[in-house]
Amino acid sequence: MSNTRRERTKNLRKATFECFMETLFDNNFLFLSRDRNLDMNLVREFQDKEWYYYWLSNIHNLDMNFVREFIDKNWNFEGLSCRKDLDMNLVRDFPDKDWAFNYIYENHNLDMSHIYDLIEKNEFKIYENLSTYYNLDYNIFRKYPDRGWSLEWLSEHPNFDMNLIRKFPHKEWSFGELSSDPDLDMNLVREFPYKDWDFGELSCNYSLDMNLIREFPDKEWDFDYLSQKRSLDMNLVREFPDKGWNFNSLSNYYNLDMNLVREFPNKEWDFGCLLLREDLDVSLVRELPNKNWKKICKKNLKY
């Protein structure tokens, strides 16, 4: 008798729930799945419905045992990785899910030795995600370089070991991203000039070795930007006067070698700005009387 009453109650709850969903939500379980205050008992009780587990990952009262019970559902593992209440045993027991290890380490101080043990046993699969891990031990990469790492993410890693390029030069490193890295070992450009370096980004890199321009003058350097770089070697202008230097910018350069004006008088110098310089060699005005010394300095124009 009691079983019959229990079954009737269950059937009534089911009918009520289905009527509720059809009437109010047109059976749209996506809408309900995105409700952060959803009662997870509904999901457990009505497992046959089309719940969106990706959004259920954000539910406030999500029970981690529920995730374990239905681990093969389409959970948002990156979102789960950010949760303060994440059960670390889930990460240890299911290491091949798309966990975001940086978030896990930040929130839970996860001991990665377990993950590294799995790598040693060849039981770990998501190397792409591991490529972003802040405290990554690069010896793992050296030992297993062909395990599906994201070379782009490794190239952008704040602690990237530049010697990996020397050891694995034929890997598809992201040389464009590396070009803007202030910690770039500039000798790598010298050793591998044929790689896809972004010479525009290298021009803007404050660690740029100016001798690289001298050694590889035909690369696509940003000479306009170099004209404003405080570390500019003025002899480069002298050695390569026909590159795309910005002579207006050079006219205002704090350490301009005035002899350059004398040597290349027909370049597009801003003679108005030169005239205002405290270090102006006044003999230049006598030597180049036909230049427009009286024009308004562009630097002082107000727009």
C-alpha atoms as a PDB file:
ATOM      1  CA  MET A   1       0.000   0.000   0.000  1.00  0.00           C
ATOM      2  CA  SER A   2       2.793   2.364   0.973  1.00  0.00           C
ATOM      3  CA  ASN A   3       4.636   1.592  -2.281  1.00  0.00           C
ATOM      4  CA  THR A   4       1.550   2.435  -4.253  1.00  0.00           C
ATOM      5  CA  ARG A   5       1.206   5.750  -2.380  1.00  0.00           C
ATOM      6  CA  ARG A   6       4.887   6.495  -3.016  1.00  0.00           C
ATOM      7  CA  GLU A   7       4.529   5.725  -6.713  1.00  0.00           C
ATOM      8  CA  ARG A   8       1.429   7.915  -6.933  1.00  0.00           C
ATOM      9  CA  THR A   9       3.247  10.769  -5.239  1.00  0.00           C
ATOM     10  CA  LYS A  10       6.191  10.380  -7.605  1.00  0.00           C
ATOM     11  CA  ASN A  11       3.926  10.328 -10.656  1.00  0.00           C
ATOM     12  CA  LEU A  12       2.062  13.366  -9.382  1.00  0.00           C
ATOM     13  CA  ARG A  13       5.331  15.291  -8.873  1.00  0.00           C
ATOM     14  CA  LYS A  14       6.431  14.330 -12.356  1.00  0.00           C
ATOM     15  CA  ALA A  15       3.138  15.400 -13.923  1.00  0.00           C
ATOM     16  CA  THR A  16       3.186  18.663 -11.966  1.00  0.00           C
ATOM     17  CA  PHE A  17       6.778  19.379 -12.985  1.00  0.00           C
ATOM     18  CA  GLU A  18       6.083  18.628 -16.655  1.00  0.00           C
ATOM     19  CA  CYS A  19       3.000  20.845 -16.600  1.00  0.00           C
ATOM     20  CA  PHE A  20       5.042  23.584 -14.910  1.00  0.00           C
ATOM     21  CA  MET A  21       7.807  23.354 -17.536  1.00  0.00           C
ATOM     22  CA  GLU A  22       5.399  23.265 -20.468  1.00  0.00           C
ATOM     23  CA  THR A  23       3.232  26.111 -19.215  1.00  0.00           C
ATOM     24  CA  LEU A  24       5.884  28.544 -17.987  1.00  0.00           C
ATOM     25  CA  PHE A  25       9.039  27.618 -19.888  1.00  0.00           C
ATOM     26  CA  ASP A  26       7.762  25.860 -23.012  1.00  0.00           C
ATOM     27  CA  ASN A  27      10.001  22.921 -21.983  1.00  0.00           C
ATOM     28  CA  ASN A  28      13.045  25.159 -22.313  1.00  0.00           C
ATOM     29  CA  PHE A  29      15.505  23.454 -19.959  1.00  0.00           C
ATOM     30  CA  LEU A  30      18.276  25.813 -21.032  1.00  0.00           C
ATOM     31  CA  PHE A  31      16.450  28.655 -19.291  1.00  0.00           C
ATOM     32  CA  LEU A  32      16.024  26.650 -16.098  1.00  0.00           C
ATOM     33  CA  SER A  33      19.573  25.273 -16.208  1.00  0.00           C
ATOM     34  CA  ARG A  34      20.938  28.836 -16.125  1.00  0.00           C
ATOM     35  CA  ASP A  35      19.125  29.622 -12.872  1.00  0.00           C
ATOM     36  CA  ARG A  36      21.936  29.803 -10.303  1.00  0.00           C
ATOM     37  CA  ASN A  37      19.475  29.022  -7.498  1.00  0.00           C
ATOM     38  CA  LEU A  38      18.068  25.898  -9.128  1.00  0.00           C
ATOM     39  CA  ASP A  39      17.253  23.052  -6.740  1.00  0.00           C
ATOM     40  CA  MET A  40      19.604  20.296  -7.915  1.00  0.00           C
ATOM     41  CA  ASN A  41      17.224  17.683  -6.577  1.00  0.00           C
ATOM     42  CA  LEU A  42      15.070  18.445  -9.618  1.00  0.00           C
ATOM     43  CA  VAL A  43      17.939  17.492 -11.910  1.00  0.00           C
ATOM     44  CA  ARG A  44      18.543  14.294  -9.996  1.00  0.00           C
ATOM     45  CA  GLU A  45      14.848  13.411  -9.958  1.00  0.00           C
ATOM     46  CA  PHE A  46      14.208  14.193 -13.630  1.00  0.00           C
ATOM     47  CA  GLN A  47      17.350  12.871 -15.236  1.00  0.00           C
ATOM     48  CA  ASP A  48      15.543  12.099 -18.478  1.00  0.00           C
ATOM     49  CA  LYS A  49      15.104  15.813 -19.222  1.00  0.00           C
ATOM     50  CA  GLU A  50      17.431  17.843 -21.456  1.00  0.00           C
ATOM     51  CA  TRP A  51      19.392  19.663 -18.794  1.00  0.00           C
ATOM     52  CA  TYR A  52      22.328  21.835 -19.859  1.00  0.00           C
ATOM     53  CA  TYR A  53      25.176  20.659 -17.644  1.00  0.00           C
ATOM     54  CA  TYR A  54      27.493  23.345 -18.969  1.00  0.00           C
ATOM     55  CA  TRP A  55      25.299  25.928 -17.217  1.00  0.00           C
ATOM     56  CA  LEU A  56      24.569  23.688 -14.236  1.00  0.00           C
ATOM     57  CA  SER A  57      28.300  23.980 -13.485  1.00  0.00           C
ATOM     58  CA  ASN A  58      27.564  27.501 -12.168  1.00  0.00           C
ATOM     59  CA  ILE A  59      24.748  26.537  -9.794  1.00  0.00           C
ATOM     60  CA  HIS A  60      25.408  27.933  -6.301  1.00  0.00           C
ATOM     61  CA  ASN A  61      24.435  24.798  -4.387  1.00  0.00           C
ATOM     62  CA  LEU A  62      25.970  22.284  -6.802  1.00  0.00           C
ATOM     63  CA  ASP A  63      26.910  19.112  -4.961  1.00  0.00           C
ATOM     64  CA  MET A  64      30.310  17.831  -6.109  1.00  0.00           C
ATOM     65  CA  ASN A  65      29.112  14.281  -5.534  1.00  0.00           C
ATOM     66  CA  PHE A  66      26.515  14.995  -8.203  1.00  0.00           C
ATOM     67  CA  VAL A  67      29.334  15.921 -10.622  1.00  0.00           C
ATOM     68  CA  ARG A  68      31.102  12.685  -9.738  1.00  0.00           C
ATOM     69  CA  GLU A  69      27.906  10.694 -10.247  1.00  0.00           C
ATOM     70  CA  PHE A  70      27.367  12.192 -13.713  1.00  0.00           C
ATOM     71  CA  ILE A  71      30.972  12.923 -14.649  1.00  0.00           C
ATOM     72  CA  ASP A  72      30.438  12.113 -18.327  1.00  0.00           C
ATOM     73  CA  LYS A  73      27.886  14.876 -18.803  1.00  0.00           C
ATOM     74  CA  ASN A  74      28.861  18.038 -20.666  1.00  0.00           C
ATOM     75  CA  TRP A  75      30.116  19.973 -17.638  1.00  0.00           C
ATOM     76  CA  ASN A  76      32.001  23.248 -17.947  1.00  0.00           C
ATOM     77  CA  PHE A  77      35.241  22.010 -16.386  1.00  0.00           C
ATOM     78  CA  GLU A  78      36.892  25.408 -16.680  1.00  0.00           C
ATOM     79  CA  GLY A  79      34.008  26.879 -14.697  1.00  0.00           C
ATOM     80  CA  LEU A  80      34.235  24.056 -12.162  1.00  0.00           C
ATOM     81  CA  SER A  81      37.970  24.752 -11.854  1.00  0.00           C
ATOM     82  CA  CYS A  82      37.163  28.268 -10.611  1.00  0.00           C
ATOM     83  CA  ARG A  83      34.830  27.104  -7.849  1.00  0.00           C
ATOM     84  CA  LYS A  84      36.022  27.519  -4.284  1.00  0.00           C
ATOM     85  CA  ASP A  85      34.128  24.366  -3.309  1.00  0.00           C
ATOM     86  CA  LEU A  86      35.709  22.172  -5.978  1.00  0.00           C
ATOM     87  CA  ASP A  87      36.510  18.708  -4.631  1.00  0.00           C
ATOM     88  CA  MET A  88      40.184  18.139  -5.452  1.00  0.00           C
ATOM     89  CA  ASN A  89      39.564  14.409  -5.578  1.00  0.00           C
ATOM     90  CA  LEU A  90      37.572  14.999  -8.755  1.00  0.00           C
ATOM     91  CA  VAL A  91      40.689  16.424 -10.401  1.00  0.00           C
ATOM     92  CA  ARG A  92      42.815  13.542  -9.163  1.00  0.00           C
ATOM     93  CA  ASP A  93      40.266  10.877 -10.144  1.00  0.00           C
ATOM     94  CA  PHE A  94      39.392  12.374 -13.535  1.00  0.00           C
ATOM     95  CA  PRO A  95      42.599  14.099 -14.715  1.00  0.00           C
ATOM     96  CA  ASP A  96      41.679  13.885 -18.411  1.00  0.00           C
ATOM     97  CA  LYS A  97      38.758  16.266 -18.127  1.00  0.00           C
ATOM     98  CA  ASP A  98      39.276  19.816 -19.412  1.00  0.00           C
ATOM     99  CA  TRP A  99      40.366  21.267 -16.089  1.00  0.00           C
ATOM    100  CA  ALA A 100      41.913  24.742 -16.062  1.00  0.00           C
ATOM    101  CA  PHE A 101      44.975  24.060 -13.935  1.00  0.00           C
ATOM    102  CA  ASN A 102      45.921  27.700 -13.474  1.00  0.00           C
ATOM    103  CA  TYR A 103      42.580  28.405 -11.777  1.00  0.00           C
ATOM    104  CA  ILE A 104      42.811  25.233  -9.737  1.00  0.00           C
ATOM    105  CA  TYR A 105      46.289  26.080  -8.520  1.00  0.00           C
ATOM    106  CA  GLU A 106      45.286  29.666  -7.719  1.00  0.00           C
ATOM    107  CA  ASN A 107      42.204  28.617  -5.765  1.00  0.00           C
ATOM    108  CA  HIS A 108      43.332  25.391  -4.167  1.00  0.00           C
ATOM    109  CA  ASN A 109      47.132  25.228  -4.222  1.00  0.00           C
ATOM    110  CA  LEU A 110      46.943  21.825  -5.888  1.00  0.00           C
ATOM    111  CA  ASP A 111      49.945  19.591  -5.538  1.00  0.00           C
ATOM    112  CA  MET A 112      50.789  18.803  -9.159  1.00  0.00           C
ATOM    113  CA  SER A 113      52.858  15.736  -8.293  1.00  0.00           C
ATOM    114  CA  HIS A 114      49.793  13.562  -8.876  1.00  0.00           C
ATOM    115  CA  ILE A 115      49.356  14.967 -12.383  1.00  0.00           C
ATOM    116  CA  TYR A 116      53.051  14.475 -13.121  1.00  0.00           C
ATOM    117  CA  ASP A 117      52.798  10.873 -11.964  1.00  0.00           C
ATOM    118  CA  LEU A 118      50.012  10.345 -14.499  1.00  0.00           C
ATOM    119  CA  ILE A 119      52.182  11.911 -17.201  1.00  0.00           C
ATOM    120  CA  GLU A 120      54.972   9.490 -16.357  1.00  0.00           C
ATOM    121  CA  LYS A 121      52.493   6.625 -16.727  1.00  0.00           C
ATOM    122  CA  ASN A 122      51.170   8.040 -20.011  1.00  0.00           C
ATOM    123  CA  GLU A 123      47.705   8.288 -18.420  1.00  0.00           C
ATOM    124  CA  PHE A 124      47.368  12.047 -18.855  1.00  0.00           C
ATOM    125  CA  LYS A 125      45.848  13.564 -22.009  1.00  0.00           C
ATOM    126  CA  ILE A 126      45.075  17.295 -21.739  1.00  0.00           C
ATOM    127  CA  TYR A 127      48.524  18.771 -22.376  1.00  0.00           C
ATOM    128  CA  GLU A 128      46.989  21.776 -24.115  1.00  0.00           C
ATOM    129  CA  ASN A 129      45.435  22.940 -20.831  1.00  0.00           C
ATOM    130  CA  LEU A 130      48.579  22.094 -18.888  1.00  0.00           C
ATOM    131  CA  SER A 131      50.537  24.367 -21.251  1.00  0.00           C
ATOM    132  CA  THR A 132      49.057  27.397 -19.449  1.00  0.00           C
ATOM    133  CA  TYR A 133      49.964  26.185 -15.954  1.00  0.00           C
ATOM    134  CA  TYR A 134      51.994  28.926 -14.249  1.00  0.00           C
ATOM    135  CA  ASN A 135      54.335  26.608 -12.342  1.00  0.00           C
ATOM    136  CA  LEU A 136      54.845  24.171 -15.181  1.00  0.00           C
ATOM    137  CA  ASP A 137      58.043  22.153 -14.873  1.00  0.00           C
ATOM    138  CA  TYR A 138      59.603  22.420 -18.340  1.00  0.00           C
ATOM    139  CA  ASN A 139      61.557  19.237 -17.783  1.00  0.00           C
ATOM    140  CA  ILE A 140      58.253  17.466 -18.433  1.00  0.00           C
ATOM    141  CA  PHE A 141      58.165  19.070 -21.886  1.00  0.00           C
ATOM    142  CA  ARG A 142      61.807  18.158 -22.519  1.00  0.00           C
ATOM    143  CA  LYS A 143      61.050  14.549 -21.651  1.00  0.00           C
ATOM    144  CA  TYR A 144      57.749  14.339 -23.547  1.00  0.00           C
ATOM    145  CA  PRO A 145      57.869  17.003 -26.285  1.00  0.00           C
ATOM    146  CA  ASP A 146      55.411  15.229 -28.603  1.00  0.00           C
ATOM    147  CA  ARG A 147      52.478  14.836 -26.223  1.00  0.00           C
ATOM    148  CA  GLY A 148      50.082  17.407 -27.707  1.00  0.00           C
ATOM    149  CA  TRP A 149      51.258  20.574 -25.982  1.00  0.00           C
ATOM    150  CA  SER A 150      49.979  23.970 -27.119  1.00  0.00           C
ATOM    151  CA  LEU A 151      53.140  25.588 -28.459  1.00  0.00           C
ATOM    152  CA  GLU A 152      51.278  28.888 -28.848  1.00  0.00           C
ATOM    153  CA  TRP A 153      50.326  28.953 -25.166  1.00  0.00           C
ATOM    154  CA  LEU A 154      53.791  27.823 -24.115  1.00  0.00           C
ATOM    155  CA  SER A 155      55.280  30.654 -26.201  1.00  0.00           C
ATOM    156  CA  GLU A 156      53.066  33.148 -24.326  1.00  0.00           C
ATOM    157  CA  HIS A 157      53.834  31.630 -20.930  1.00  0.00           C
ATOM    158  CA  PRO A 158      55.245  34.239 -18.495  1.00  0.00           C
ATOM    159  CA  ASN A 159      57.901  31.767 -17.352  1.00  0.00           C
ATOM    160  CA  PHE A 160      58.733  30.361 -20.769  1.00  0.00           C
ATOM    161  CA  ASP A 161      62.164  28.753 -20.948  1.00  0.00           C
ATOM    162  CA  MET A 162      63.791  30.299 -24.030  1.00  0.00           C
ATOM    163  CA  ASN A 163      66.274  27.442 -24.270  1.00  0.00           C
ATOM    164  CA  LEU A 164      63.434  25.202 -25.447  1.00  0.00           C
ATOM    165  CA  ILE A 165      63.641  26.978 -28.814  1.00  0.00           C
ATOM    166  CA  ARG A 166      67.299  26.023 -29.105  1.00  0.00           C
ATOM    167  CA  LYS A 167      66.593  22.431 -28.108  1.00  0.00           C
ATOM    168  CA  PHE A 168      63.490  22.086 -30.306  1.00  0.00           C
ATOM    169  CA  PRO A 169      63.985  24.636 -33.111  1.00  0.00           C
ATOM    170  CA  HIS A 170      61.711  22.791 -35.534  1.00  0.00           C
ATOM    171  CA  LYS A 171      58.671  23.042 -33.279  1.00  0.00           C
ATOM    172  CA  GLU A 172      56.007  25.523 -34.370  1.00  0.00           C
ATOM    173  CA  TRP A 173      56.671  28.105 -31.681  1.00  0.00           C
ATOM    174  CA  SER A 174      54.701  31.353 -31.830  1.00  0.00           C
ATOM    175  CA  PHE A 175      57.568  33.609 -32.898  1.00  0.00           C
ATOM    176  CA  GLY A 176      55.189  36.538 -33.343  1.00  0.00           C
ATOM    177  CA  GLU A 177      54.231  36.400 -29.654  1.00  0.00           C
ATOM    178  CA  LEU A 178      57.823  35.819 -28.585  1.00  0.00           C
ATOM    179  CA  SER A 179      58.879  38.962 -30.494  1.00  0.00           C
ATOM    180  CA  SER A 180      57.084  41.167 -27.964  1.00  0.00           C
ATOM    181  CA  ASP A 181      58.341  39.294 -24.897  1.00  0.00           C
ATOM    182  CA  PRO A 182      60.544  41.679 -22.873  1.00  0.00           C
ATOM    183  CA  ASP A 183      62.476  38.650 -21.608  1.00  0.00           C
ATOM    184  CA  LEU A 184      63.277  37.426 -25.110  1.00  0.00           C
ATOM    185  CA  ASP A 185      66.856  36.286 -25.541  1.00  0.00           C
ATOM    186  CA  MET A 186      67.796  38.438 -28.534  1.00  0.00           C
ATOM    187  CA  ASN A 187      70.491  35.972 -29.532  1.00  0.00           C
ATOM    188  CA  LEU A 188      67.649  33.661 -30.602  1.00  0.00           C
ATOM    189  CA  VAL A 189      66.807  36.112 -33.400  1.00  0.00           C
ATOM    190  CA  ARG A 190      70.447  36.046 -34.382  1.00  0.00           C
ATOM    191  CA  GLU A 191      70.597  32.231 -34.290  1.00  0.00           C
ATOM    192  CA  PHE A 192      67.270  31.668 -36.083  1.00  0.00           C
ATOM    193  CA  PRO A 193      66.700  34.720 -38.306  1.00  0.00           C
ATOM    194  CA  TYR A 194      64.648  32.671 -40.788  1.00  0.00           C
ATOM    195  CA  LYS A 195      61.887  32.027 -38.248  1.00  0.00           C
ATOM    196  CA  ASP A 196      58.632  34.005 -38.402  1.00  0.00           C
ATOM    197  CA  TRP A 197      59.702  36.792 -36.083  1.00  0.00           C
ATOM    198  CA  ASP A 198      57.521  39.903 -36.045  1.00  0.00           C
ATOM    199  CA  PHE A 199      60.166  42.567 -36.691  1.00  0.00           C
ATOM    200  CA  GLY A 200      57.622  45.308 -36.061  1.00  0.00           C
ATOM    201  CA  GLU A 201      57.093  43.941 -32.547  1.00  0.00           C
ATOM    202  CA  LEU A 202      60.830  43.443 -32.117  1.00  0.00           C
ATOM    203  CA  SER A 203      61.306  47.122 -32.979  1.00  0.00           C
ATOM    204  CA  CYS A 204      59.016  48.019 -30.065  1.00  0.00           C
ATOM    205  CA  ASN A 205      60.604  45.565 -27.635  1.00  0.00           C
ATOM    206  CA  TYR A 206      62.523  47.618 -25.096  1.00  0.00           C
ATOM    207  CA  SER A 207      65.091  44.801 -24.831  1.00  0.00           C
ATOM    208  CA  LEU A 208      65.966  45.068 -28.539  1.00  0.00           C
ATOM    209  CA  ASP A 209      69.655  44.666 -29.344  1.00  0.00           C
ATOM    210  CA  MET A 210      70.291  47.479 -31.848  1.00  0.00           C
ATOM    211  CA  ASN A 211      73.037  45.460 -33.481  1.00  0.00           C
ATOM    212  CA  LEU A 212      70.333  43.166 -34.870  1.00  0.00           C
ATOM    213  CA  ILE A 213      69.264  45.991 -37.191  1.00  0.00           C
ATOM    214  CA  ARG A 214      72.837  46.320 -38.367  1.00  0.00           C
ATOM    215  CA  GLU A 215      73.131  42.553 -38.901  1.00  0.00           C
ATOM    216  CA  PHE A 216      69.723  42.145 -40.583  1.00  0.00           C
ATOM    217  CA  PRO A 217      68.938  45.528 -42.137  1.00  0.00           C
ATOM    218  CA  ASP A 218      66.557  44.118 -44.746  1.00  0.00           C
ATOM    219  CA  LYS A 219      64.099  42.697 -42.255  1.00  0.00           C
ATOM    220  CA  GLU A 220      60.793  44.539 -41.861  1.00  0.00           C
ATOM    221  CA  TRP A 221      61.852  46.760 -38.979  1.00  0.00           C
ATOM    222  CA  ASP A 222      59.534  49.571 -37.887  1.00  0.00           C
ATOM    223  CA  PHE A 223      61.932  52.456 -38.578  1.00  0.00           C
ATOM    224  CA  ASP A 224      59.258  55.005 -37.717  1.00  0.00           C
ATOM    225  CA  TYR A 225      59.055  53.606 -34.187  1.00  0.00           C
ATOM    226  CA  LEU A 226      62.818  53.135 -33.958  1.00  0.00           C
ATOM    227  CA  SER A 227      63.203  56.860 -34.705  1.00  0.00           C
ATOM    228  CA  GLN A 228      61.596  57.539 -31.310  1.00  0.00           C
ATOM    229  CA  LYS A 229      63.337  54.796 -29.337  1.00  0.00           C
ATOM    230  CA  ARG A 230      65.502  56.183 -26.537  1.00  0.00           C
ATOM    231  CA  SER A 231      68.067  53.438 -27.019  1.00  0.00           C
ATOM    232  CA  LEU A 232      68.514  54.236 -30.736  1.00  0.00           C
ATOM    233  CA  ASP A 233      72.098  54.059 -31.964  1.00  0.00           C
ATOM    234  CA  MET A 234      72.450  57.186 -34.129  1.00  0.00           C
ATOM    235  CA  ASN A 235      75.103  55.480 -36.217  1.00  0.00           C
ATOM    236  CA  LEU A 236      72.332  53.268 -37.599  1.00  0.00           C
ATOM    237  CA  VAL A 237      70.791  56.341 -39.235  1.00  0.00           C
ATOM    238  CA  ARG A 238      74.179  57.157 -40.695  1.00  0.00           C
ATOM    239  CA  GLU A 239      74.753  53.593 -41.933  1.00  0.00           C
ATOM    240  CA  PHE A 240      71.234  53.130 -43.364  1.00  0.00           C
ATOM    241  CA  PRO A 241      70.012  56.628 -44.220  1.00  0.00           C
ATOM    242  CA  ASP A 242      67.517  55.456 -46.837  1.00  0.00           C
ATOM    243  CA  LYS A 243      65.465  53.268 -44.521  1.00  0.00           C
ATOM    244  CA  GLY A 244      62.075  54.547 -43.421  1.00  0.00           C
ATOM    245  CA  TRP A 245      63.337  56.789 -40.621  1.00  0.00           C
ATOM    246  CA  ASN A 246      61.009  59.495 -39.347  1.00  0.00           C
ATOM    247  CA  PHE A 247      63.235  62.561 -39.618  1.00  0.00           C
ATOM    248  CA  ASN A 248      60.588  64.759 -38.001  1.00  0.00           C
ATOM    249  CA  SER A 249      60.816  62.569 -34.904  1.00  0.00           C
ATOM    250  CA  LEU A 250      64.602  62.494 -35.117  1.00  0.00           C
ATOM    251  CA  SER A 251      64.586  66.315 -35.159  1.00  0.00           C
ATOM    252  CA  ASN A 252      63.165  66.167 -31.621  1.00  0.00           C
ATOM    253  CA  TYR A 253      65.308  63.241 -30.494  1.00  0.00           C
ATOM    254  CA  TYR A 254      66.899  64.012 -27.136  1.00  0.00           C
ATOM    255  CA  ASN A 255      70.319  62.740 -28.176  1.00  0.00           C
ATOM    256  CA  LEU A 256      70.395  63.738 -31.835  1.00  0.00           C
ATOM    257  CA  ASP A 257      73.832  63.824 -33.446  1.00  0.00           C
ATOM    258  CA  MET A 258      73.733  67.206 -35.226  1.00  0.00           C
ATOM    259  CA  ASN A 259      76.283  66.015 -37.734  1.00  0.00           C
ATOM    260  CA  LEU A 260      73.539  63.854 -39.222  1.00  0.00           C
ATOM    261  CA  VAL A 261      71.756  67.021 -40.352  1.00  0.00           C
ATOM    262  CA  ARG A 262      74.979  68.191 -41.946  1.00  0.00           C
ATOM    263  CA  GLU A 263      75.602  64.819 -43.638  1.00  0.00           C
ATOM    264  CA  PHE A 264      72.022  64.340 -44.862  1.00  0.00           C
ATOM    265  CA  PRO A 265      70.628  67.855 -45.283  1.00  0.00           C
ATOM    266  CA  ASN A 266      68.005  66.830 -47.839  1.00  0.00           C
ATOM    267  CA  LYS A 267      66.151  64.487 -45.528  1.00  0.00           C
ATOM    268  CA  GLU A 268      62.802  65.675 -44.167  1.00  0.00           C
ATOM    269  CA  TRP A 269      64.171  67.298 -41.035  1.00  0.00           C
ATOM    270  CA  ASP A 270      61.906  69.614 -39.067  1.00  0.00           C
ATOM    271  CA  PHE A 271      64.164  72.660 -39.207  1.00  0.00           C
ATOM    272  CA  GLY A 272      61.748  74.672 -37.065  1.00  0.00           C
ATOM    273  CA  CYS A 273      62.213  72.194 -34.218  1.00  0.00           C
ATOM    274  CA  LEU A 274      65.964  72.017 -34.817  1.00  0.00           C
ATOM    275  CA  LEU A 275      66.132  75.791 -34.407  1.00  0.00           C
ATOM    276  CA  LEU A 276      64.534  75.533 -30.954  1.00  0.00           C
ATOM    277  CA  ARG A 277      66.997  72.960 -29.674  1.00  0.00           C
ATOM    278  CA  GLU A 278      69.345  74.132 -26.941  1.00  0.00           C
ATOM    279  CA  ASP A 279      72.110  71.967 -28.385  1.00  0.00           C
ATOM    280  CA  LEU A 280      71.745  73.350 -31.920  1.00  0.00           C
ATOM    281  CA  ASP A 281      75.052  73.822 -33.721  1.00  0.00           C
ATOM    282  CA  VAL A 282      74.385  77.375 -34.991  1.00  0.00           C
ATOM    283  CA  SER A 283      76.905  76.918 -37.780  1.00  0.00           C
ATOM    284  CA  LEU A 284      74.296  74.640 -39.384  1.00  0.00           C
ATOM    285  CA  VAL A 285      72.084  77.666 -39.983  1.00  0.00           C
ATOM    286  CA  ARG A 286      74.929  79.382 -41.844  1.00  0.00           C
ATOM    287  CA  GLU A 287      75.835  76.203 -43.776  1.00  0.00           C
ATOM    288  CA  LEU A 288      72.222  75.503 -44.781  1.00  0.00           C
ATOM    289  CA  PRO A 289      70.705  78.955 -45.267  1.00  0.00           C
ATOM    290  CA  ASN A 290      68.102  77.762 -47.764  1.00  0.00           C
ATOM    291  CA  LYS A 291      66.352  75.499 -45.267  1.00  0.00           C
ATOM    292  CA  ASN A 292      63.079  76.609 -43.732  1.00  0.00           C
ATOM    293  CA  TRP A 293      64.435  77.396 -40.287  1.00  0.00           C
ATOM    294  CA  LYS A 294      61.558  79.768 -39.551  1.00  0.00           C
ATOM    295  CA  LYS A 295      58.703  77.324 -40.055  1.00  0.00           C
ATOM    296  CA  ILE A 296      56.598  76.411 -37.035  1.00  0.00           C
ATOM    297  CA  CYS A 297      57.874  73.419 -35.131  1.00  0.00           C
ATOM    298  CA  LYS A 298      55.334  70.601 -35.538  1.00  0.00           C
ATOM    299  CA  LYS A 299      56.005  69.557 -31.991  1.00  0.00           C
ATOM    300  CA  ASN A 300      54.543  72.865 -30.771  1.00  0.00           C
ATOM    301  CA  LEU A 301      51.415  72.830 -32.923  1.00  0.00           C
ATOM    302  CA  LYS A 302      48.139  72.797 -30.984  1.00  0.00           C
ATOM    303  CA  TYR A 303      45.310  70.825 -32.501  1.00  0.00           C
END
